[in-house]
N, C-alpha and C. Protein backbone atom coordinates (compact mmCIF):
# COMPACT_ATOMS: atom_id res chain seq x y z
N MET A 1 35.20 -117.34 78.81
CA MET A 1 35.50 -117.50 80.13
C MET A 1 35.04 -115.95 80.65
N PRO A 2 34.46 -116.06 81.67
CA PRO A 2 34.12 -114.65 82.55
C PRO A 2 35.20 -114.14 82.80
N GLY A 3 35.33 -112.84 82.76
CA GLY A 3 36.52 -111.94 83.10
C GLY A 3 37.67 -111.78 82.23
N ILE A 4 37.50 -112.37 81.22
CA ILE A 4 38.85 -112.78 80.24
C ILE A 4 38.31 -111.41 79.21
N PRO A 5 39.33 -110.59 78.82
CA PRO A 5 38.96 -109.53 77.64
C PRO A 5 39.19 -110.36 76.36
N HIS A 6 38.07 -110.13 75.48
CA HIS A 6 38.46 -110.81 73.98
C HIS A 6 38.40 -109.56 72.93
N PRO A 7 39.81 -109.80 72.42
CA PRO A 7 39.89 -108.70 71.29
C PRO A 7 39.18 -108.84 70.21
N MET A 8 38.62 -107.55 69.64
CA MET A 8 37.77 -107.95 68.38
C MET A 8 38.62 -107.15 67.34
N THR A 9 38.63 -107.44 65.96
CA THR A 9 38.99 -106.92 64.99
C THR A 9 38.07 -107.08 63.60
N ASN A 10 38.11 -105.86 62.77
CA ASN A 10 37.26 -106.03 61.75
C ASN A 10 37.78 -106.63 60.61
N GLY A 11 38.19 -108.06 60.83
CA GLY A 11 38.76 -108.62 59.86
C GLY A 11 38.32 -110.21 60.52
N TYR A 12 39.23 -111.44 59.45
CA TYR A 12 39.06 -112.72 60.09
C TYR A 12 40.45 -113.10 60.46
N VAL A 13 40.54 -113.75 61.48
CA VAL A 13 41.66 -114.43 62.10
C VAL A 13 41.84 -115.85 61.30
N GLU A 14 42.70 -115.96 60.43
CA GLU A 14 42.78 -117.26 59.79
C GLU A 14 43.77 -118.14 60.48
N SER A 15 44.77 -117.75 61.23
CA SER A 15 45.80 -118.51 61.89
C SER A 15 46.42 -117.65 62.98
N ILE A 16 46.71 -118.26 64.07
CA ILE A 16 47.38 -117.71 65.08
C ILE A 16 48.26 -118.24 65.95
N CYS A 17 49.29 -117.90 66.57
CA CYS A 17 50.18 -118.61 67.24
C CYS A 17 51.02 -117.89 68.16
N SER A 18 51.63 -118.47 69.09
CA SER A 18 52.38 -117.65 70.06
C SER A 18 53.77 -118.15 70.22
N ILE A 19 54.76 -116.91 70.14
CA ILE A 19 56.25 -117.47 69.96
C ILE A 19 56.68 -116.57 71.52
N SER A 20 57.81 -117.29 71.99
CA SER A 20 58.32 -116.62 73.01
C SER A 20 59.32 -115.59 72.64
N GLU A 21 59.34 -114.42 73.13
CA GLU A 21 60.23 -113.34 72.76
C GLU A 21 60.55 -112.63 74.06
N GLY A 22 62.11 -112.86 74.43
CA GLY A 22 62.17 -112.09 75.69
C GLY A 22 61.50 -112.41 77.03
N GLN A 23 60.86 -111.61 77.65
CA GLN A 23 60.17 -111.75 78.66
C GLN A 23 58.54 -111.92 78.58
N GLU A 24 58.15 -111.95 77.05
CA GLU A 24 56.85 -111.95 76.60
C GLU A 24 56.39 -113.12 75.89
N ASP A 25 55.39 -113.46 75.83
CA ASP A 25 55.05 -114.40 74.78
C ASP A 25 54.04 -113.67 73.79
N ALA A 26 54.85 -113.34 72.41
CA ALA A 26 54.07 -112.60 71.70
C ALA A 26 53.05 -113.54 70.79
N VAL A 27 52.13 -112.75 70.37
CA VAL A 27 50.93 -113.56 69.51
C VAL A 27 51.00 -113.03 68.36
N TYR A 28 51.10 -114.03 67.22
CA TYR A 28 51.22 -113.50 65.78
C TYR A 28 49.88 -113.81 65.28
N ALA A 29 49.18 -113.28 64.33
CA ALA A 29 47.96 -113.70 63.74
C ALA A 29 48.05 -113.35 62.20
N LEU A 30 47.65 -114.25 61.39
CA LEU A 30 47.24 -114.08 59.75
C LEU A 30 45.85 -113.56 59.75
N ILE A 31 45.60 -112.11 59.66
CA ILE A 31 44.60 -111.61 59.45
C ILE A 31 44.07 -111.20 57.96
N ARG A 32 42.88 -111.44 57.84
CA ARG A 32 42.22 -111.24 56.45
C ARG A 32 41.38 -110.18 56.15
N ARG A 33 41.43 -109.00 55.74
CA ARG A 33 40.86 -107.91 55.90
C ARG A 33 40.19 -107.49 54.27
N THR A 34 39.40 -106.81 54.26
CA THR A 34 38.91 -105.92 53.07
C THR A 34 39.43 -104.36 53.03
N VAL A 35 40.25 -104.16 52.41
CA VAL A 35 40.91 -102.89 52.39
C VAL A 35 40.73 -102.16 50.88
N ASN A 36 40.01 -100.88 50.99
CA ASN A 36 39.87 -100.28 49.64
C ASN A 36 39.39 -101.24 48.49
N GLY A 37 38.35 -102.24 48.78
CA GLY A 37 37.50 -102.93 48.02
C GLY A 37 38.33 -104.35 47.82
N SER A 38 39.33 -104.39 48.38
CA SER A 38 40.30 -105.62 48.10
C SER A 38 40.61 -106.44 49.29
N THR A 39 40.69 -107.95 49.03
CA THR A 39 40.86 -108.71 50.14
C THR A 39 42.29 -108.63 50.29
N VAL A 40 42.93 -108.64 51.54
CA VAL A 40 44.31 -108.31 51.84
C VAL A 40 44.48 -109.27 52.81
N ARG A 41 45.83 -109.96 53.09
CA ARG A 41 46.13 -110.74 54.45
C ARG A 41 47.31 -110.18 54.84
N TYR A 42 47.35 -109.96 56.19
CA TYR A 42 48.52 -109.22 56.94
C TYR A 42 48.87 -110.07 58.16
N VAL A 43 50.24 -110.32 58.38
CA VAL A 43 50.54 -110.94 59.55
C VAL A 43 50.72 -109.73 60.50
N GLU A 44 50.15 -109.94 61.74
CA GLU A 44 49.88 -108.73 62.69
C GLU A 44 50.38 -109.38 63.85
N ARG A 45 51.19 -108.46 64.99
CA ARG A 45 51.70 -108.95 66.01
C ARG A 45 50.97 -108.17 67.36
N LEU A 46 50.56 -108.73 68.19
CA LEU A 46 49.72 -108.26 69.29
C LEU A 46 50.92 -107.30 70.06
N ASN A 47 50.67 -106.39 70.15
CA ASN A 47 51.75 -105.13 71.02
C ASN A 47 51.82 -105.41 72.33
N THR A 48 53.14 -105.18 72.78
CA THR A 48 53.30 -105.26 74.20
C THR A 48 52.28 -104.41 75.18
N ARG A 49 51.93 -104.92 76.43
CA ARG A 49 51.00 -104.23 77.13
C ARG A 49 52.03 -103.64 78.26
N GLN A 50 53.48 -104.06 77.93
CA GLN A 50 54.42 -103.40 79.24
C GLN A 50 55.19 -102.07 78.81
N PHE A 51 54.18 -101.12 79.16
CA PHE A 51 54.98 -99.90 78.83
C PHE A 51 54.55 -98.68 80.34
N THR A 52 55.38 -97.73 80.29
CA THR A 52 55.06 -96.90 81.55
C THR A 52 54.82 -95.66 81.20
N GLU A 53 54.94 -95.16 80.02
CA GLU A 53 54.63 -93.85 79.42
C GLU A 53 53.38 -93.97 78.50
N GLN A 54 52.19 -93.03 78.92
CA GLN A 54 51.08 -93.10 78.17
C GLN A 54 51.05 -92.79 76.75
N GLN A 55 52.25 -92.04 76.31
CA GLN A 55 52.48 -92.12 74.66
C GLN A 55 52.81 -93.39 74.05
N ASP A 56 53.11 -94.25 74.71
CA ASP A 56 53.75 -95.57 74.24
C ASP A 56 52.58 -96.65 74.16
N ALA A 57 51.31 -96.07 74.45
CA ALA A 57 50.15 -96.90 74.54
C ALA A 57 49.48 -97.29 73.16
N PHE A 58 49.81 -98.62 72.83
CA PHE A 58 49.65 -98.95 71.44
C PHE A 58 48.13 -99.68 71.21
N PHE A 59 46.92 -99.43 71.17
CA PHE A 59 45.57 -99.84 71.12
C PHE A 59 44.91 -99.86 69.81
N VAL A 60 45.68 -100.07 68.68
CA VAL A 60 45.15 -99.95 67.43
C VAL A 60 45.39 -101.25 66.72
N ASP A 61 44.52 -101.62 65.81
CA ASP A 61 45.17 -102.96 64.86
C ASP A 61 45.54 -102.46 63.66
N SER A 62 46.37 -103.40 62.96
CA SER A 62 47.07 -103.24 62.11
C SER A 62 47.74 -101.93 61.89
N GLY A 63 48.13 -101.56 63.02
CA GLY A 63 48.85 -100.12 63.00
C GLY A 63 50.35 -100.02 63.00
N LEU A 64 50.75 -98.73 62.80
CA LEU A 64 51.94 -98.45 62.50
C LEU A 64 52.49 -97.33 63.65
N SER A 65 53.86 -97.24 64.07
CA SER A 65 54.19 -96.32 64.79
C SER A 65 55.22 -95.32 64.04
N TYR A 66 55.06 -93.97 64.59
CA TYR A 66 56.33 -93.02 64.19
C TYR A 66 56.98 -92.67 65.53
N SER A 67 58.10 -92.58 65.63
CA SER A 67 59.02 -91.92 66.72
C SER A 67 60.22 -91.22 66.42
N GLY A 68 59.86 -90.04 66.32
CA GLY A 68 61.10 -88.65 66.08
C GLY A 68 61.99 -88.84 67.14
N GLU A 69 61.85 -89.32 68.40
CA GLU A 69 62.74 -88.84 69.52
C GLU A 69 64.40 -89.16 69.12
N ASN A 70 65.38 -88.42 69.66
CA ASN A 70 66.76 -88.76 69.20
C ASN A 70 67.23 -89.89 70.11
N THR A 71 67.69 -90.59 69.42
CA THR A 71 68.34 -91.78 70.22
C THR A 71 69.90 -91.76 70.25
N ASP A 72 70.53 -90.55 69.96
CA ASP A 72 71.91 -90.54 69.98
C ASP A 72 72.39 -89.42 70.77
N SER A 73 72.98 -89.87 71.86
CA SER A 73 73.14 -88.68 72.94
C SER A 73 74.46 -87.83 72.31
N THR A 74 74.86 -88.13 71.31
CA THR A 74 76.32 -87.25 70.64
C THR A 74 75.46 -86.30 69.79
N ARG A 75 74.21 -86.35 69.46
CA ARG A 75 73.71 -85.50 68.31
C ARG A 75 72.82 -84.56 69.30
N THR A 76 73.24 -83.17 69.26
CA THR A 76 72.59 -82.45 70.03
C THR A 76 72.06 -81.08 69.30
N MET A 77 71.28 -80.51 69.62
CA MET A 77 70.31 -79.20 69.39
C MET A 77 70.81 -77.97 70.40
N THR A 78 71.26 -76.99 69.76
CA THR A 78 71.67 -75.65 70.35
C THR A 78 70.63 -74.35 70.04
N ILE A 79 70.00 -73.75 70.81
CA ILE A 79 69.23 -72.77 70.71
C ILE A 79 70.28 -71.35 70.55
N SER A 80 70.38 -70.35 69.83
CA SER A 80 71.14 -69.15 69.85
C SER A 80 70.44 -67.92 69.38
N THR A 81 71.05 -66.74 69.70
CA THR A 81 70.32 -65.76 68.97
C THR A 81 71.41 -64.61 69.04
N ALA A 82 70.89 -63.58 67.94
CA ALA A 82 71.83 -62.23 67.95
C ALA A 82 70.88 -61.32 68.59
N GLY A 83 69.76 -61.64 68.96
CA GLY A 83 68.99 -60.39 69.75
C GLY A 83 68.52 -60.90 70.80
N GLY A 84 67.13 -61.00 71.01
CA GLY A 84 66.22 -61.45 72.24
C GLY A 84 66.02 -62.94 72.30
N TRP A 85 65.43 -63.41 73.49
CA TRP A 85 64.88 -64.70 73.33
C TRP A 85 63.49 -65.05 73.62
N THR A 86 62.77 -64.21 73.17
CA THR A 86 61.26 -64.03 73.31
C THR A 86 60.67 -64.79 72.34
N TYR A 87 59.72 -65.32 72.32
CA TYR A 87 58.92 -66.19 71.26
C TYR A 87 58.51 -65.16 70.07
N GLN A 88 58.57 -63.91 70.37
CA GLN A 88 58.63 -63.07 69.23
C GLN A 88 60.06 -62.86 68.16
N ASP A 89 61.05 -63.56 68.66
CA ASP A 89 62.25 -63.02 68.06
C ASP A 89 62.46 -64.58 67.29
N GLU A 90 63.34 -64.14 65.87
CA GLU A 90 63.64 -65.11 65.11
C GLU A 90 65.20 -65.47 65.79
N LEU A 91 65.15 -67.00 66.25
CA LEU A 91 66.50 -67.51 66.62
C LEU A 91 66.99 -68.42 65.75
N THR A 92 68.09 -68.95 66.19
CA THR A 92 69.14 -70.07 65.28
C THR A 92 69.02 -71.22 65.96
N LEU A 93 68.75 -72.57 65.27
CA LEU A 93 68.86 -73.61 66.14
C LEU A 93 69.76 -74.38 65.24
N THR A 94 70.88 -74.98 66.00
CA THR A 94 72.06 -75.77 65.32
C THR A 94 72.03 -76.91 65.89
N CYS A 95 72.27 -77.99 64.61
CA CYS A 95 72.24 -79.44 65.15
C CYS A 95 73.87 -79.64 64.76
N SER A 96 74.12 -80.62 65.77
CA SER A 96 75.81 -80.98 65.73
C SER A 96 75.92 -81.97 64.48
N THR A 97 74.94 -82.51 63.90
CA THR A 97 75.03 -83.32 62.67
C THR A 97 74.05 -82.82 61.38
N ALA A 98 74.44 -83.41 60.50
CA ALA A 98 73.71 -82.67 59.20
C ALA A 98 71.97 -83.55 59.47
N ILE A 99 71.03 -82.57 59.28
CA ILE A 99 69.63 -83.07 59.80
C ILE A 99 68.58 -82.40 58.82
N PHE A 100 68.89 -81.31 58.69
CA PHE A 100 67.98 -80.26 58.10
C PHE A 100 68.10 -80.32 56.52
N ASP A 101 66.61 -80.32 55.86
CA ASP A 101 66.58 -80.29 54.61
C ASP A 101 65.33 -79.45 54.02
N SER A 102 64.96 -79.56 52.80
CA SER A 102 63.94 -78.89 52.50
C SER A 102 62.50 -79.15 53.07
N SER A 103 62.34 -80.72 53.34
CA SER A 103 61.02 -80.82 53.90
C SER A 103 61.07 -80.41 55.64
N SER A 104 62.06 -79.86 56.12
CA SER A 104 62.11 -79.56 57.67
C SER A 104 61.31 -78.53 57.96
N THR A 105 60.73 -77.55 57.06
CA THR A 105 59.91 -76.48 57.13
C THR A 105 58.67 -77.00 57.60
N SER A 106 58.28 -78.16 57.46
CA SER A 106 56.86 -78.79 57.61
C SER A 106 57.07 -79.20 59.09
N GLN A 107 58.23 -79.55 59.90
CA GLN A 107 58.32 -80.03 60.92
C GLN A 107 58.66 -79.14 62.10
N GLU A 108 58.55 -79.74 63.27
CA GLU A 108 58.91 -78.85 64.61
C GLU A 108 60.09 -79.83 65.16
N ILE A 109 60.92 -79.09 66.09
CA ILE A 109 61.78 -79.65 67.05
C ILE A 109 61.05 -79.39 68.62
N HIS A 110 60.98 -80.62 69.13
CA HIS A 110 60.55 -80.43 70.69
C HIS A 110 61.69 -80.88 71.76
N ILE A 111 61.86 -79.82 72.53
CA ILE A 111 62.71 -79.85 73.70
C ILE A 111 62.05 -79.89 75.08
N PRO A 112 62.12 -81.06 75.73
CA PRO A 112 61.55 -81.04 76.91
C PRO A 112 62.37 -80.46 78.12
N TYR A 113 61.86 -79.98 78.78
CA TYR A 113 62.59 -79.18 80.06
C TYR A 113 61.86 -78.99 81.22
N THR A 114 62.28 -78.93 82.32
CA THR A 114 61.65 -78.46 83.64
C THR A 114 61.85 -76.83 84.31
N GLU A 115 60.74 -76.40 84.30
CA GLU A 115 61.05 -75.05 84.91
C GLU A 115 59.95 -75.00 86.30
N ASP A 116 60.50 -74.64 87.29
CA ASP A 116 59.65 -74.48 88.59
C ASP A 116 59.07 -75.91 88.90
N GLY A 117 59.85 -76.88 88.60
CA GLY A 117 59.29 -78.17 89.13
C GLY A 117 58.08 -78.75 88.13
N ILE A 118 57.84 -77.85 86.92
CA ILE A 118 56.71 -78.39 86.03
C ILE A 118 57.58 -78.56 84.70
N SER A 119 57.05 -80.04 84.25
CA SER A 119 57.53 -80.39 83.07
C SER A 119 56.72 -79.66 81.84
N LYS A 120 57.80 -79.06 80.97
CA LYS A 120 57.27 -78.31 79.53
C LYS A 120 57.79 -78.80 78.45
N SER A 121 57.44 -78.37 77.35
CA SER A 121 58.28 -78.54 76.08
C SER A 121 58.53 -77.25 75.23
N MET A 122 59.52 -77.18 74.74
CA MET A 122 59.93 -75.85 74.13
C MET A 122 59.49 -76.24 72.58
N ARG A 123 58.65 -75.87 71.82
CA ARG A 123 58.08 -76.12 70.50
C ARG A 123 58.81 -75.31 69.58
N ILE A 124 59.90 -75.77 68.85
CA ILE A 124 60.25 -74.83 67.72
C ILE A 124 60.12 -75.34 66.31
N SER A 125 59.36 -74.19 65.70
CA SER A 125 59.00 -74.16 64.73
C SER A 125 60.21 -73.79 63.35
N ILE A 126 60.49 -74.43 62.32
CA ILE A 126 61.38 -74.27 61.54
C ILE A 126 60.98 -73.27 60.29
N ALA A 127 61.60 -72.09 60.38
CA ALA A 127 60.97 -70.89 59.49
C ALA A 127 61.78 -71.27 58.07
N GLU A 128 63.09 -71.29 58.40
CA GLU A 128 63.95 -71.57 57.04
C GLU A 128 65.21 -72.19 57.29
N VAL A 129 65.66 -73.14 56.30
CA VAL A 129 66.72 -73.99 56.55
C VAL A 129 68.26 -73.21 55.85
N VAL A 130 68.88 -72.94 56.60
CA VAL A 130 70.29 -72.09 56.34
C VAL A 130 71.10 -73.00 55.68
N SER A 131 71.27 -74.07 56.24
CA SER A 131 72.27 -75.49 55.93
C SER A 131 71.61 -76.74 56.49
N SER A 132 72.43 -77.83 56.28
CA SER A 132 71.93 -79.13 56.68
C SER A 132 71.99 -79.18 58.27
N THR A 133 72.83 -78.32 58.79
CA THR A 133 72.99 -78.11 60.22
C THR A 133 72.51 -76.98 61.05
N VAL A 134 72.00 -75.98 60.22
CA VAL A 134 71.43 -74.61 60.76
C VAL A 134 70.19 -74.34 60.12
N ALA A 135 69.04 -73.94 60.91
CA ALA A 135 67.95 -73.45 60.68
C ALA A 135 67.60 -72.28 61.44
N THR A 136 66.65 -71.35 60.72
CA THR A 136 65.90 -70.25 61.56
C THR A 136 64.71 -70.55 62.02
N VAL A 137 64.49 -70.23 63.33
CA VAL A 137 63.06 -70.92 63.90
C VAL A 137 62.62 -69.81 64.74
N LEU A 138 61.27 -70.38 64.88
CA LEU A 138 60.21 -69.56 66.02
C LEU A 138 60.03 -70.49 67.05
N VAL A 139 59.68 -69.92 68.38
CA VAL A 139 59.50 -70.78 69.39
C VAL A 139 58.13 -70.44 70.10
N ASN A 140 57.61 -71.39 70.70
CA ASN A 140 56.16 -71.15 71.16
C ASN A 140 56.16 -70.23 72.45
N ARG A 141 57.37 -70.16 73.15
CA ARG A 141 57.56 -69.26 74.56
C ARG A 141 58.85 -68.84 74.48
N ASP A 142 59.07 -67.90 75.51
CA ASP A 142 60.33 -67.28 75.79
C ASP A 142 61.08 -68.40 76.27
N VAL A 143 62.44 -68.25 75.56
CA VAL A 143 63.34 -69.56 75.81
C VAL A 143 64.15 -69.31 77.29
N PRO A 144 63.99 -70.28 78.17
CA PRO A 144 64.37 -70.23 79.63
C PRO A 144 65.79 -70.23 79.47
N ALA A 145 66.36 -69.88 80.68
CA ALA A 145 68.08 -69.64 80.94
C ALA A 145 68.59 -71.09 80.61
N ALA A 146 67.85 -72.14 80.94
CA ALA A 146 68.49 -73.42 80.68
C ALA A 146 68.80 -73.79 79.56
N LEU A 147 67.96 -73.45 78.50
CA LEU A 147 68.11 -73.71 76.99
C LEU A 147 68.94 -72.64 76.11
N ARG A 148 69.34 -71.62 76.71
CA ARG A 148 69.97 -70.66 76.04
C ARG A 148 71.45 -71.20 75.70
N ASN A 149 71.99 -71.31 74.49
CA ASN A 149 73.19 -71.33 74.11
C ASN A 149 73.61 -72.78 74.76
N SER A 150 72.79 -73.73 74.81
CA SER A 150 73.23 -74.86 75.68
C SER A 150 72.49 -76.09 74.80
N ALA A 151 73.55 -77.12 74.39
CA ALA A 151 73.89 -78.02 73.75
C ALA A 151 72.77 -79.35 74.44
N GLN A 152 71.56 -79.40 73.89
CA GLN A 152 70.46 -80.57 74.39
C GLN A 152 70.65 -81.82 73.63
N SER A 153 70.72 -82.89 74.58
CA SER A 153 70.59 -84.19 73.75
C SER A 153 69.38 -84.90 73.54
N THR A 154 68.38 -84.33 74.57
CA THR A 154 67.01 -84.71 74.51
C THR A 154 66.00 -83.90 73.84
N TRP A 155 65.76 -84.36 72.61
CA TRP A 155 65.08 -83.67 71.48
C TRP A 155 64.38 -84.65 70.65
N SER A 156 63.28 -84.03 69.91
CA SER A 156 62.45 -84.78 68.90
C SER A 156 62.09 -84.10 67.69
N ILE A 157 61.79 -84.69 66.73
CA ILE A 157 61.13 -84.25 65.38
C ILE A 157 59.75 -84.73 65.45
N ALA A 158 59.26 -83.40 65.42
CA ALA A 158 57.63 -83.66 65.52
C ALA A 158 57.02 -83.33 64.05
N ARG A 159 55.93 -84.14 63.67
CA ARG A 159 55.40 -83.95 62.41
C ARG A 159 53.76 -83.93 62.23
N ARG A 160 53.21 -83.65 61.37
CA ARG A 160 51.89 -83.74 61.35
C ARG A 160 51.37 -84.53 60.22
N THR A 161 52.04 -85.02 59.10
CA THR A 161 51.70 -85.72 58.11
C THR A 161 52.54 -86.95 58.12
N PHE A 162 51.82 -88.22 58.03
CA PHE A 162 52.43 -89.54 58.00
C PHE A 162 52.12 -90.38 56.99
N ALA A 163 53.06 -90.79 56.26
CA ALA A 163 52.91 -91.65 55.31
C ALA A 163 53.09 -93.00 55.18
N GLY A 164 53.13 -93.75 54.55
CA GLY A 164 53.24 -95.49 54.61
C GLY A 164 52.11 -96.24 55.03
N LEU A 165 51.11 -95.53 55.09
CA LEU A 165 49.61 -96.16 55.59
C LEU A 165 49.19 -96.85 54.37
N SER A 166 49.57 -97.10 53.11
CA SER A 166 48.90 -97.59 51.92
C SER A 166 48.11 -98.97 52.10
N HIS A 167 48.42 -99.63 53.33
CA HIS A 167 48.02 -100.76 53.80
C HIS A 167 46.58 -100.66 54.25
N LEU A 168 46.35 -99.31 54.74
CA LEU A 168 45.10 -99.25 55.47
C LEU A 168 44.31 -98.05 54.38
N GLU A 169 44.56 -97.94 53.17
CA GLU A 169 44.14 -97.00 52.20
C GLU A 169 42.39 -97.21 52.41
N GLY A 170 41.79 -95.97 52.41
CA GLY A 170 40.37 -95.74 52.48
C GLY A 170 39.78 -96.07 54.10
N GLN A 171 40.45 -96.41 54.87
CA GLN A 171 40.13 -96.88 56.27
C GLN A 171 40.06 -95.73 57.15
N THR A 172 39.16 -95.66 58.09
CA THR A 172 39.32 -94.79 59.16
C THR A 172 39.98 -95.18 60.40
N VAL A 173 41.00 -94.46 60.81
CA VAL A 173 42.09 -94.78 61.53
C VAL A 173 41.76 -94.02 62.72
N SER A 174 42.28 -94.71 64.07
CA SER A 174 42.21 -93.92 65.21
C SER A 174 43.81 -93.58 65.43
N ILE A 175 44.03 -92.72 66.18
CA ILE A 175 45.38 -91.87 66.21
C ILE A 175 45.65 -91.45 67.54
N LEU A 176 46.80 -91.90 68.35
CA LEU A 176 47.38 -91.49 69.76
C LEU A 176 48.66 -90.88 69.18
N ALA A 177 48.63 -89.39 69.72
CA ALA A 177 49.90 -88.62 69.09
C ALA A 177 50.33 -87.84 70.62
N ASP A 178 51.77 -88.27 71.00
CA ASP A 178 52.08 -87.86 71.98
C ASP A 178 51.36 -88.18 73.35
N GLY A 179 50.48 -89.26 73.39
CA GLY A 179 49.73 -89.62 74.43
C GLY A 179 48.11 -88.93 74.48
N ASN A 180 48.08 -88.05 73.36
CA ASN A 180 46.87 -87.62 73.22
C ASN A 180 45.99 -88.21 72.17
N VAL A 181 44.66 -88.37 72.38
CA VAL A 181 43.79 -88.94 71.12
C VAL A 181 43.61 -87.51 70.16
N GLU A 182 43.93 -88.13 68.84
CA GLU A 182 43.65 -87.21 67.74
C GLU A 182 42.13 -87.45 67.32
N PRO A 183 41.79 -86.66 66.67
CA PRO A 183 40.31 -86.99 65.63
C PRO A 183 40.68 -88.06 64.74
N GLN A 184 39.75 -88.94 64.63
CA GLN A 184 39.95 -90.10 63.54
C GLN A 184 40.04 -89.40 62.20
N GLN A 185 40.82 -90.10 61.47
CA GLN A 185 41.12 -89.79 59.78
C GLN A 185 40.81 -90.75 59.01
N VAL A 186 40.48 -90.54 57.83
CA VAL A 186 40.54 -91.38 56.71
C VAL A 186 41.75 -91.49 55.77
N VAL A 187 42.18 -92.51 55.82
CA VAL A 187 43.69 -92.84 54.88
C VAL A 187 43.63 -92.32 53.60
N SER A 188 44.09 -91.37 52.99
CA SER A 188 43.96 -91.05 51.56
C SER A 188 45.37 -91.06 50.74
N GLY A 189 45.58 -91.65 49.91
CA GLY A 189 47.18 -91.72 49.42
C GLY A 189 48.13 -92.32 50.23
N GLY A 190 47.77 -93.32 51.22
CA GLY A 190 48.65 -93.79 52.01
C GLY A 190 49.01 -92.70 53.05
N GLU A 191 48.37 -91.52 53.44
CA GLU A 191 48.81 -90.74 54.25
C GLU A 191 47.44 -90.33 55.36
N VAL A 192 47.77 -89.70 56.31
CA VAL A 192 46.88 -88.93 57.36
C VAL A 192 47.58 -87.34 57.58
N THR A 193 46.80 -86.58 57.80
CA THR A 193 47.55 -85.35 58.49
C THR A 193 46.72 -85.13 60.02
N ILE A 194 47.45 -85.04 60.93
CA ILE A 194 47.08 -84.82 62.12
C ILE A 194 46.71 -83.10 62.52
N GLU A 195 46.15 -83.07 63.68
CA GLU A 195 45.93 -81.53 63.82
C GLU A 195 47.22 -80.94 64.71
N ASN A 196 47.94 -81.65 65.18
CA ASN A 196 49.20 -81.14 66.15
C ASN A 196 50.58 -81.70 65.57
N HIS A 197 51.46 -80.98 65.72
CA HIS A 197 52.60 -81.75 65.47
C HIS A 197 53.18 -82.40 66.62
N SER A 198 53.56 -83.92 66.49
CA SER A 198 53.86 -84.67 67.50
C SER A 198 55.00 -85.65 67.33
N SER A 199 55.67 -86.09 68.02
CA SER A 199 56.75 -86.85 68.22
C SER A 199 56.60 -88.23 68.28
N VAL A 200 55.68 -88.87 68.94
CA VAL A 200 55.49 -90.10 69.16
C VAL A 200 54.08 -90.31 68.62
N VAL A 201 53.71 -91.20 67.80
CA VAL A 201 52.51 -91.36 66.96
C VAL A 201 52.02 -92.95 66.80
N HIS A 202 50.81 -93.36 67.13
CA HIS A 202 50.49 -94.47 66.65
C HIS A 202 49.08 -94.53 65.87
N ILE A 203 49.42 -95.22 64.79
CA ILE A 203 48.00 -95.02 63.68
C ILE A 203 47.25 -96.31 63.39
N GLY A 204 46.20 -96.52 63.59
CA GLY A 204 45.76 -97.96 63.01
C GLY A 204 44.11 -97.84 63.20
N LEU A 205 43.70 -99.21 62.96
CA LEU A 205 42.26 -99.23 62.69
C LEU A 205 41.67 -99.27 64.47
N PRO A 206 40.51 -98.73 64.74
CA PRO A 206 39.81 -98.63 66.04
C PRO A 206 40.05 -100.11 66.66
N VAL A 207 39.92 -100.06 67.89
CA VAL A 207 39.86 -101.43 68.54
C VAL A 207 38.70 -100.98 69.53
N ALA A 208 37.93 -102.33 69.33
CA ALA A 208 36.87 -102.60 70.26
C ALA A 208 36.85 -103.30 71.28
N ALA A 209 37.38 -102.97 72.47
CA ALA A 209 37.65 -103.99 73.50
C ALA A 209 36.36 -104.29 74.44
N VAL A 210 36.18 -105.41 74.76
CA VAL A 210 35.08 -106.10 75.04
C VAL A 210 35.22 -106.83 76.52
N ILE A 211 34.82 -106.91 77.40
CA ILE A 211 35.00 -107.70 78.62
C ILE A 211 33.97 -108.27 79.18
N GLU A 212 33.65 -109.47 79.54
CA GLU A 212 32.56 -110.21 80.10
C GLU A 212 32.64 -110.45 81.47
N THR A 213 32.01 -109.79 82.16
CA THR A 213 31.68 -110.00 83.88
C THR A 213 30.92 -110.92 84.20
N LEU A 214 31.13 -111.40 85.33
CA LEU A 214 30.29 -112.29 86.20
C LEU A 214 28.90 -111.70 85.95
N ASP A 215 27.73 -112.68 86.06
CA ASP A 215 26.41 -112.10 86.18
C ASP A 215 26.14 -111.92 87.63
N ARG A 216 25.23 -111.01 88.08
CA ARG A 216 24.94 -110.62 89.32
C ARG A 216 24.59 -111.51 90.31
N GLU A 217 23.65 -112.46 89.92
CA GLU A 217 23.30 -113.55 90.75
C GLU A 217 24.71 -114.60 91.26
N ARG A 218 25.53 -114.71 89.90
CA ARG A 218 26.64 -115.77 90.07
C ARG A 218 27.50 -115.00 91.45
N CYS A 219 27.64 -113.54 91.10
CA CYS A 219 28.73 -112.82 91.98
C CYS A 219 28.00 -112.83 93.12
N ARG A 220 26.55 -112.85 93.30
CA ARG A 220 26.09 -112.72 94.92
C ARG A 220 26.23 -114.18 95.47
N ALA A 221 26.44 -115.36 94.83
CA ALA A 221 26.46 -116.46 95.43
C ALA A 221 27.83 -116.63 95.77
N VAL A 222 28.99 -116.39 95.00
CA VAL A 222 30.16 -116.16 95.39
C VAL A 222 30.48 -115.64 96.71
N TYR A 223 30.09 -114.23 96.79
CA TYR A 223 30.39 -113.55 98.02
C TYR A 223 29.46 -114.28 99.24
N ALA A 224 28.48 -114.58 98.95
CA ALA A 224 27.80 -115.39 100.26
C ALA A 224 28.51 -116.70 100.70
N ALA A 225 28.95 -117.30 99.76
CA ALA A 225 29.99 -118.43 100.23
C ALA A 225 31.11 -118.14 100.87
N GLY A 226 31.49 -116.49 100.67
CA GLY A 226 32.77 -116.18 101.43
C GLY A 226 33.98 -116.97 101.22
């Protein structure tokens, strides 16, 4: 049908159905794919197109998402120091609940804030885990007054390496990280490593979106008929 987009996937749709879910009719499909030399079948759901933030755009097939955003308003992060507040100083990051472990040194904590009307992000690298609630950290910029010794409930855990992708082993995947397109990666050992620590990440098979428009002569006739 002219003007209607046709989704394309690098597999075969063996069955498809639509199920009412809240305000949407969700489309489910049984997809047969060849992954890592083997024939596999996955039940996949067409993701919602109702999003307001670019970071939530999910335009991949057979994909998974990661969100490190804090969803508990009582769980806070506080930056403190015994010295200065510059990006050159070692600072202390304290969480109100146990969160840090040996894997935390490969992660970052991101705290969004606004300065002079500009949205910014404090990117906090974990240098050493002192306890399950305390870590020694470095920051990417001088700490503004609003974040000094102030408990913040809006924060996220950002990562570079993502596991759980064994269903796409050996496949080249597209990646959207915090609303930014990352270079494509090949899944190896069920994992990929991206270039930048990110808090909201979507990883899956590239999507080829195709739309068929009306041909020129037909458009001309429609406009002439007015």
